[in-house]
């Protein structure tokens, strides 16, 4: 079996804090992203060839989901 990496995810206290962390580390801006209504989270992305670096955080503007978030 051959495995393929699709995403590298960074869970952050907030999207602003996670984006600031990533900008300070590699010095590259994040782009795109969006909201995940079913989990009450949102994200920003950075393309790294065939892999994405994703910063994900709870969206304070979204209602709390009626299910457990994937990362707790």
PDB file of N, CA and C in Angstrom:
ATOM      1  N   UNK A   1       0.847  -1.174   0.000  1.00  0.00           N
ATOM      2  CA  UNK A   1       0.000   0.000   0.000  1.00  0.00           C
ATOM      3  C   UNK A   1       0.891   1.235   0.000  1.00  0.00           C
ATOM      4  N   UNK A   2       0.516   2.218  -0.801  1.00  0.00           N
ATOM      5  CA  UNK A   2       1.260   3.469  -0.888  1.00  0.00           C
ATOM      6  C   UNK A   2       0.424   4.580  -0.271  1.00  0.00           C
ATOM      7  N   UNK A   3       0.984   5.312   0.669  1.00  0.00           N
ATOM      8  CA  UNK A   3       0.273   6.416   1.315  1.00  0.00           C
ATOM      9  C   UNK A   3       0.645   7.728   0.646  1.00  0.00           C
ATOM     10  N   UNK A   4      -0.291   8.660   0.658  1.00  0.00           N
ATOM     11  CA  UNK A   4      -0.076   9.977   0.077  1.00  0.00           C
ATOM     12  C   UNK A   4      -0.503  11.033   1.076  1.00  0.00           C
ATOM     13  N   UNK A   5       0.371  11.986   1.351  1.00  0.00           N
ATOM     14  CA  UNK A   5       0.061  13.090   2.249  1.00  0.00           C
ATOM     15  C   UNK A   5      -0.750  14.123   1.490  1.00  0.00           C
ATOM     16  N   UNK A   6      -1.877  14.545   2.064  1.00  0.00           N
ATOM     17  CA  UNK A   6      -2.753  15.505   1.414  1.00  0.00           C
ATOM     18  C   UNK A   6      -2.721  16.866   2.115  1.00  0.00           C
ATOM     19  N   UNK A   7      -2.768  16.872   3.438  1.00  0.00           N
ATOM     20  CA  UNK A   7      -2.809  18.098   4.233  1.00  0.00           C
ATOM     21  C   UNK A   7      -1.845  18.000   5.403  1.00  0.00           C
ATOM     22  N   UNK A   8      -1.279  19.112   5.764  1.00  0.00           N
ATOM     23  CA  UNK A   8      -0.615  19.291   7.050  1.00  0.00           C
ATOM     24  C   UNK A   8      -1.469  20.323   7.763  1.00  0.00           C
ATOM     25  N   UNK A   9      -2.045  19.975   8.891  1.00  0.00           N
ATOM     26  CA  UNK A   9      -2.971  20.880   9.577  1.00  0.00           C
ATOM     27  C   UNK A   9      -2.357  21.424  10.857  1.00  0.00           C
ATOM     28  N   UNK A  10      -2.610  22.691  11.104  1.00  0.00           N
ATOM     29  CA  UNK A  10      -2.206  23.348  12.343  1.00  0.00           C
ATOM     30  C   UNK A  10      -3.480  23.833  13.009  1.00  0.00           C
ATOM     31  N   UNK A  11      -3.799  23.286  14.159  1.00  0.00           N
ATOM     32  CA  UNK A  11      -4.962  23.732  14.921  1.00  0.00           C
ATOM     33  C   UNK A  11      -4.527  24.906  15.784  1.00  0.00           C
ATOM     34  N   UNK A  12      -5.304  25.983  15.762  1.00  0.00           N
ATOM     35  CA  UNK A  12      -4.921  27.200  16.474  1.00  0.00           C
ATOM     36  C   UNK A  12      -6.057  27.703  17.351  1.00  0.00           C
ATOM     37  N   UNK A  13      -5.704  28.506  18.328  1.00  0.00           N
ATOM     38  CA  UNK A  13      -6.713  29.128  19.200  1.00  0.00           C
ATOM     39  C   UNK A  13      -7.648  30.015  18.382  1.00  0.00           C
ATOM     40  N   UNK A  14      -7.094  30.694  17.375  1.00  0.00           N
ATOM     41  CA  UNK A  14      -7.887  31.522  16.473  1.00  0.00           C
ATOM     42  C   UNK A  14      -7.225  31.493  15.106  1.00  0.00           C
ATOM     43  N   UNK A  15      -7.987  31.842  14.090  1.00  0.00           N
ATOM     44  CA  UNK A  15      -7.438  31.864  12.743  1.00  0.00           C
ATOM     45  C   UNK A  15      -6.359  32.944  12.618  1.00  0.00           C
ATOM     46  N   UNK A  16      -6.557  34.074  13.272  1.00  0.00           N
ATOM     47  CA  UNK A  16      -5.565  35.160  13.241  1.00  0.00           C
ATOM     48  C   UNK A  16      -4.258  34.703  13.875  1.00  0.00           C
ATOM     49  N   UNK A  17      -4.323  34.029  15.031  1.00  0.00           N
ATOM     50  CA  UNK A  17      -3.113  33.548  15.705  1.00  0.00           C
ATOM     51  C   UNK A  17      -2.405  32.483  14.870  1.00  0.00           C
ATOM     52  N   UNK A  18      -3.159  31.578  14.280  1.00  0.00           N
ATOM     53  CA  UNK A  18      -2.564  30.531  13.453  1.00  0.00           C
ATOM     54  C   UNK A  18      -1.914  31.094  12.211  1.00  0.00           C
ATOM     55  N   UNK A  19      -2.563  32.064  11.581  1.00  0.00           N
ATOM     56  CA  UNK A  19      -1.987  32.682  10.388  1.00  0.00           C
ATOM     57  C   UNK A  19      -0.718  33.447  10.741  1.00  0.00           C
ATOM     58  N   UNK A  20      -0.707  34.146  11.867  1.00  0.00           N
ATOM     59  CA  UNK A  20       0.492  34.885  12.302  1.00  0.00           C
ATOM     60  C   UNK A  20       1.642  33.925  12.560  1.00  0.00           C
ATOM     61  N   UNK A  21       1.359  32.771  13.157  1.00  0.00           N
ATOM     62  CA  UNK A  21       2.387  31.769  13.415  1.00  0.00           C
ATOM     63  C   UNK A  21       3.010  31.281  12.112  1.00  0.00           C
ATOM     64  N   UNK A  22       2.171  30.964  11.128  1.00  0.00           N
ATOM     65  CA  UNK A  22       2.671  30.450   9.858  1.00  0.00           C
ATOM     66  C   UNK A  22       3.428  31.532   9.092  1.00  0.00           C
ATOM     67  N   UNK A  23       2.933  32.758   9.109  1.00  0.00           N
ATOM     68  CA  UNK A  23       3.641  33.848   8.427  1.00  0.00           C
ATOM     69  C   UNK A  23       5.031  34.045   9.029  1.00  0.00           C
ATOM     70  N   UNK A  24       5.159  33.910  10.336  1.00  0.00           N
ATOM     71  CA  UNK A  24       6.446  34.113  11.000  1.00  0.00           C
ATOM     72  C   UNK A  24       7.411  32.962  10.725  1.00  0.00           C
ATOM     73  N   UNK A  25       6.882  31.757  10.566  1.00  0.00           N
ATOM     74  CA  UNK A  25       7.745  30.589  10.361  1.00  0.00           C
ATOM     75  C   UNK A  25       8.339  30.553   8.954  1.00  0.00           C
ATOM     76  N   UNK A  26       7.565  30.288   7.902  1.00  0.00           N
ATOM     77  CA  UNK A  26       8.172  30.252   6.575  1.00  0.00           C
ATOM     78  C   UNK A  26       8.214  31.607   5.887  1.00  0.00           C
ATOM     79  N   UNK A  27       7.510  32.604   6.437  1.00  0.00           N
ATOM     80  CA  UNK A  27       7.502  33.919   5.825  1.00  0.00           C
ATOM     81  C   UNK A  27       6.630  34.039   4.590  1.00  0.00           C
ATOM     82  N   UNK A  28       5.742  33.081   4.370  1.00  0.00           N
ATOM     83  CA  UNK A  28       4.859  33.121   3.209  1.00  0.00           C
ATOM     84  C   UNK A  28       3.420  33.338   3.658  1.00  0.00           C
ATOM     85  N   UNK A  29       2.654  34.127   2.908  1.00  0.00           N
ATOM     86  CA  UNK A  29       1.265  34.366   3.298  1.00  0.00           C
ATOM     87  C   UNK A  29       0.357  33.183   2.977  1.00  0.00           C
ATOM     88  N   UNK A  30      -0.671  33.036   3.768  1.00  0.00           N
ATOM     89  CA  UNK A  30      -1.710  32.045   3.494  1.00  0.00           C
ATOM     90  C   UNK A  30      -2.735  32.679   2.565  1.00  0.00           C
ATOM     91  N   UNK A  31      -3.401  31.873   1.786  1.00  0.00           N
ATOM     92  CA  UNK A  31      -4.404  32.381   0.865  1.00  0.00           C
ATOM     93  C   UNK A  31      -5.612  31.470   0.891  1.00  0.00           C
ATOM     94  N   UNK A  32      -6.718  31.976   0.430  1.00  0.00           N
ATOM     95  CA  UNK A  32      -7.909  31.149   0.327  1.00  0.00           C
ATOM     96  C   UNK A  32      -8.356  30.582   1.653  1.00  0.00           C
ATOM     97  N   UNK A  33      -9.176  29.611   1.562  1.00  0.00           N
ATOM     98  CA  UNK A  33      -9.734  29.002   2.760  1.00  0.00           C
ATOM     99  C   UNK A  33     -11.226  29.248   2.799  1.00  0.00           C
ATOM    100  N   UNK A  34     -11.822  28.904   3.901  1.00  0.00           N
ATOM    101  CA  UNK A  34     -13.259  29.088   4.001  1.00  0.00           C
ATOM    102  C   UNK A  34     -13.799  28.581   5.311  1.00  0.00           C
ATOM    103  N   UNK A  35     -15.108  28.467   5.356  1.00  0.00           N
ATOM    104  CA  UNK A  35     -15.811  28.048   6.571  1.00  0.00           C
ATOM    105  C   UNK A  35     -16.286  26.605   6.427  1.00  0.00           C
ATOM    106  N   UNK A  36     -16.396  25.936   7.565  1.00  0.00           N
ATOM    107  CA  UNK A  36     -16.914  24.561   7.635  1.00  0.00           C
ATOM    108  C   UNK A  36     -18.150  24.592   8.539  1.00  0.00           C
ATOM    109  N   UNK A  37     -19.324  24.855   7.982  1.00  0.00           N
ATOM    110  CA  UNK A  37     -20.529  25.026   8.796  1.00  0.00           C
ATOM    111  C   UNK A  37     -20.873  23.839   9.698  1.00  0.00           C
ATOM    112  N   UNK A  38     -20.619  22.624   9.258  1.00  0.00           N
ATOM    113  CA  UNK A  38     -20.988  21.456  10.074  1.00  0.00           C
ATOM    114  C   UNK A  38     -20.152  21.321  11.338  1.00  0.00           C
ATOM    115  N   UNK A  39     -18.932  21.871  11.324  1.00  0.00           N
ATOM    116  CA  UNK A  39     -18.068  21.760  12.503  1.00  0.00           C
ATOM    117  C   UNK A  39     -17.827  23.089  13.194  1.00  0.00           C
ATOM    118  N   UNK A  40     -18.316  24.201  12.630  1.00  0.00           N
ATOM    119  CA  UNK A  40     -18.133  25.512  13.247  1.00  0.00           C
ATOM    120  C   UNK A  40     -16.687  25.981  13.220  1.00  0.00           C
ATOM    121  N   UNK A  41     -15.952  25.601  12.180  1.00  0.00           N
ATOM    122  CA  UNK A  41     -14.556  25.998  12.052  1.00  0.00           C
ATOM    123  C   UNK A  41     -14.353  26.763  10.744  1.00  0.00           C
ATOM    124  N   UNK A  42     -13.187  27.384  10.629  1.00  0.00           N
ATOM    125  CA  UNK A  42     -12.792  28.019   9.373  1.00  0.00           C
ATOM    126  C   UNK A  42     -11.299  27.813   9.183  1.00  0.00           C
ATOM    127  N   UNK A  43     -10.798  28.074   7.959  1.00  0.00           N
ATOM    128  CA  UNK A  43      -9.395  27.779   7.698  1.00  0.00           C
ATOM    129  C   UNK A  43      -8.775  28.759   6.717  1.00  0.00           C
ATOM    130  N   UNK A  44      -7.471  28.694   6.615  1.00  0.00           N
ATOM    131  CA  UNK A  44      -6.673  29.384   5.607  1.00  0.00           C
ATOM    132  C   UNK A  44      -5.698  28.341   5.081  1.00  0.00           C
ATOM    133  N   UNK A  45      -5.254  28.488   3.828  1.00  0.00           N
ATOM    134  CA  UNK A  45      -4.439  27.465   3.179  1.00  0.00           C
ATOM    135  C   UNK A  45      -3.175  28.043   2.552  1.00  0.00           C
ATOM    136  N   UNK A  46      -2.179  27.181   2.422  1.00  0.00           N
ATOM    137  CA  UNK A  46      -0.967  27.490   1.673  1.00  0.00           C
ATOM    138  C   UNK A  46      -0.641  26.265   0.837  1.00  0.00           C
ATOM    139  N   UNK A  47      -0.543  26.434  -0.474  1.00  0.00           N
ATOM    140  CA  UNK A  47      -0.189  25.325  -1.345  1.00  0.00           C
ATOM    141  C   UNK A  47       1.300  25.049  -1.292  1.00  0.00           C
ATOM    142  N   UNK A  48       1.648  23.794  -1.100  1.00  0.00           N
ATOM    143  CA  UNK A  48       3.046  23.350  -1.065  1.00  0.00           C
ATOM    144  C   UNK A  48       3.225  22.251  -2.102  1.00  0.00           C
ATOM    145  N   UNK A  49       3.019  22.571  -3.341  1.00  0.00           N
ATOM    146  CA  UNK A  49       3.064  21.551  -4.383  1.00  0.00           C
ATOM    147  C   UNK A  49       1.792  20.739  -4.357  1.00  0.00           C
ATOM    148  N   UNK A  50       1.907  19.437  -4.133  1.00  0.00           N
ATOM    149  CA  UNK A  50       0.743  18.555  -4.079  1.00  0.00           C
ATOM    150  C   UNK A  50       0.132  18.457  -2.689  1.00  0.00           C
ATOM    151  N   UNK A  51       0.662  19.203  -1.723  1.00  0.00           N
ATOM    152  CA  UNK A  51       0.215  19.149  -0.331  1.00  0.00           C
ATOM    153  C   UNK A  51      -0.228  20.544   0.092  1.00  0.00           C
ATOM    154  N   UNK A  52      -1.188  20.623   0.985  1.00  0.00           N
ATOM    155  CA  UNK A  52      -1.632  21.899   1.534  1.00  0.00           C
ATOM    156  C   UNK A  52      -1.251  21.990   2.994  1.00  0.00           C
ATOM    157  N   UNK A  53      -0.791  23.173   3.399  1.00  0.00           N
ATOM    158  CA  UNK A  53      -0.654  23.502   4.812  1.00  0.00           C
ATOM    159  C   UNK A  53      -1.947  24.210   5.170  1.00  0.00           C
ATOM    160  N   UNK A  54      -2.637  23.714   6.160  1.00  0.00           N
ATOM    161  CA  UNK A  54      -3.931  24.263   6.550  1.00  0.00           C
ATOM    162  C   UNK A  54      -3.867  24.742   7.987  1.00  0.00           C
ATOM    163  N   UNK A  55      -4.294  25.984   8.230  1.00  0.00           N
ATOM    164  CA  UNK A  55      -4.491  26.491   9.586  1.00  0.00           C
ATOM    165  C   UNK A  55      -5.991  26.445   9.810  1.00  0.00           C
ATOM    166  N   UNK A  56      -6.405  25.772  10.872  1.00  0.00           N
ATOM    167  CA  UNK A  56      -7.826  25.609  11.161  1.00  0.00           C
ATOM    168  C   UNK A  56      -8.095  26.026  12.591  1.00  0.00           C
ATOM    169  N   UNK A  57      -9.225  26.687  12.807  1.00  0.00           N
ATOM    170  CA  UNK A  57      -9.590  27.168  14.140  1.00  0.00           C
ATOM    171  C   UNK A  57     -11.110  27.211  14.257  1.00  0.00           C
ATOM    172  N   UNK A  58     -11.589  27.281  15.478  1.00  0.00           N
ATOM    173  CA  UNK A  58     -13.012  27.472  15.723  1.00  0.00           C
ATOM    174  C   UNK A  58     -13.396  28.848  15.195  1.00  0.00           C
ATOM    175  N   UNK A  59     -14.493  28.916  14.473  1.00  0.00           N
ATOM    176  CA  UNK A  59     -14.985  30.175  13.920  1.00  0.00           C
ATOM    177  C   UNK A  59     -15.887  30.830  14.960  1.00  0.00           C
ATOM    178  N   UNK A  60     -15.435  31.953  15.572  1.00  0.00           N
ATOM    179  CA  UNK A  60     -16.247  32.579  16.615  1.00  0.00           C
ATOM    180  C   UNK A  60     -17.568  33.146  16.087  1.00  0.00           C
ATOM    181  N   UNK A  61     -17.678  33.356  14.783  1.00  0.00           N
ATOM    182  CA  UNK A  61     -18.916  33.884  14.196  1.00  0.00           C
ATOM    183  C   UNK A  61     -19.917  32.785  13.863  1.00  0.00           C
ATOM    184  N   UNK A  62     -19.499  31.531  13.948  1.00  0.00           N
ATOM    185  CA  UNK A  62     -20.381  30.412  13.601  1.00  0.00           C
ATOM    186  C   UNK A  62     -21.081  29.872  14.844  1.00  0.00           C
ATOM    187  N   UNK A  63     -22.291  29.380  14.683  1.00  0.00           N
ATOM    188  CA  UNK A  63     -22.961  28.742  15.820  1.00  0.00           C
ATOM    189  C   UNK A  63     -22.243  27.446  16.198  1.00  0.00           C
ATOM    190  N   UNK A  64     -22.333  27.066  17.453  1.00  0.00           N
ATOM    191  CA  UNK A  64     -21.732  25.825  17.910  1.00  0.00           C
ATOM    192  C   UNK A  64     -22.373  24.657  17.165  1.00  0.00           C
ATOM    193  N   UNK A  65     -21.573  23.699  16.721  1.00  0.00           N
ATOM    194  CA  UNK A  65     -22.138  22.558  15.991  1.00  0.00           C
ATOM    195  C   UNK A  65     -22.887  21.621  16.917  1.00  0.00           C
ATOM    196  N   UNK A  66     -23.767  20.813  16.334  1.00  0.00           N
ATOM    197  CA  UNK A  66     -24.510  19.830  17.126  1.00  0.00           C
ATOM    198  C   UNK A  66     -23.793  18.492  17.169  1.00  0.00           C
ATOM    199  N   UNK A  67     -22.502  18.494  16.822  1.00  0.00           N
ATOM    200  CA  UNK A  67     -21.671  17.288  16.828  1.00  0.00           C
ATOM    201  C   UNK A  67     -20.290  17.654  17.355  1.00  0.00           C
ATOM    202  N   UNK A  68     -19.516  16.654  17.677  1.00  0.00           N
ATOM    203  CA  UNK A  68     -18.153  16.879  18.140  1.00  0.00           C
ATOM    204  C   UNK A  68     -17.278  17.291  16.969  1.00  0.00           C
ATOM    205  N   UNK A  69     -16.437  18.278  17.192  1.00  0.00           N
ATOM    206  CA  UNK A  69     -15.497  18.691  16.155  1.00  0.00           C
ATOM    207  C   UNK A  69     -14.446  17.607  15.991  1.00  0.00           C
ATOM    208  N   UNK A  70     -13.946  17.394  14.758  1.00  0.00           N
ATOM    209  CA  UNK A  70     -12.980  16.335  14.506  1.00  0.00           C
ATOM    210  C   UNK A  70     -11.733  16.397  15.401  1.00  0.00           C
ATOM    211  N   UNK A  71     -11.257  17.589  15.715  1.00  0.00           N
ATOM    212  CA  UNK A  71     -10.059  17.718  16.541  1.00  0.00           C
ATOM    213  C   UNK A  71     -10.410  18.025  17.993  1.00  0.00           C
ATOM    214  N   UNK A  72     -11.657  17.811  18.366  1.00  0.00           N
ATOM    215  CA  UNK A  72     -12.058  18.056  19.745  1.00  0.00           C
ATOM    216  C   UNK A  72     -12.470  19.483  19.931  1.00  0.00           C
TER     217      UNK A  72
END
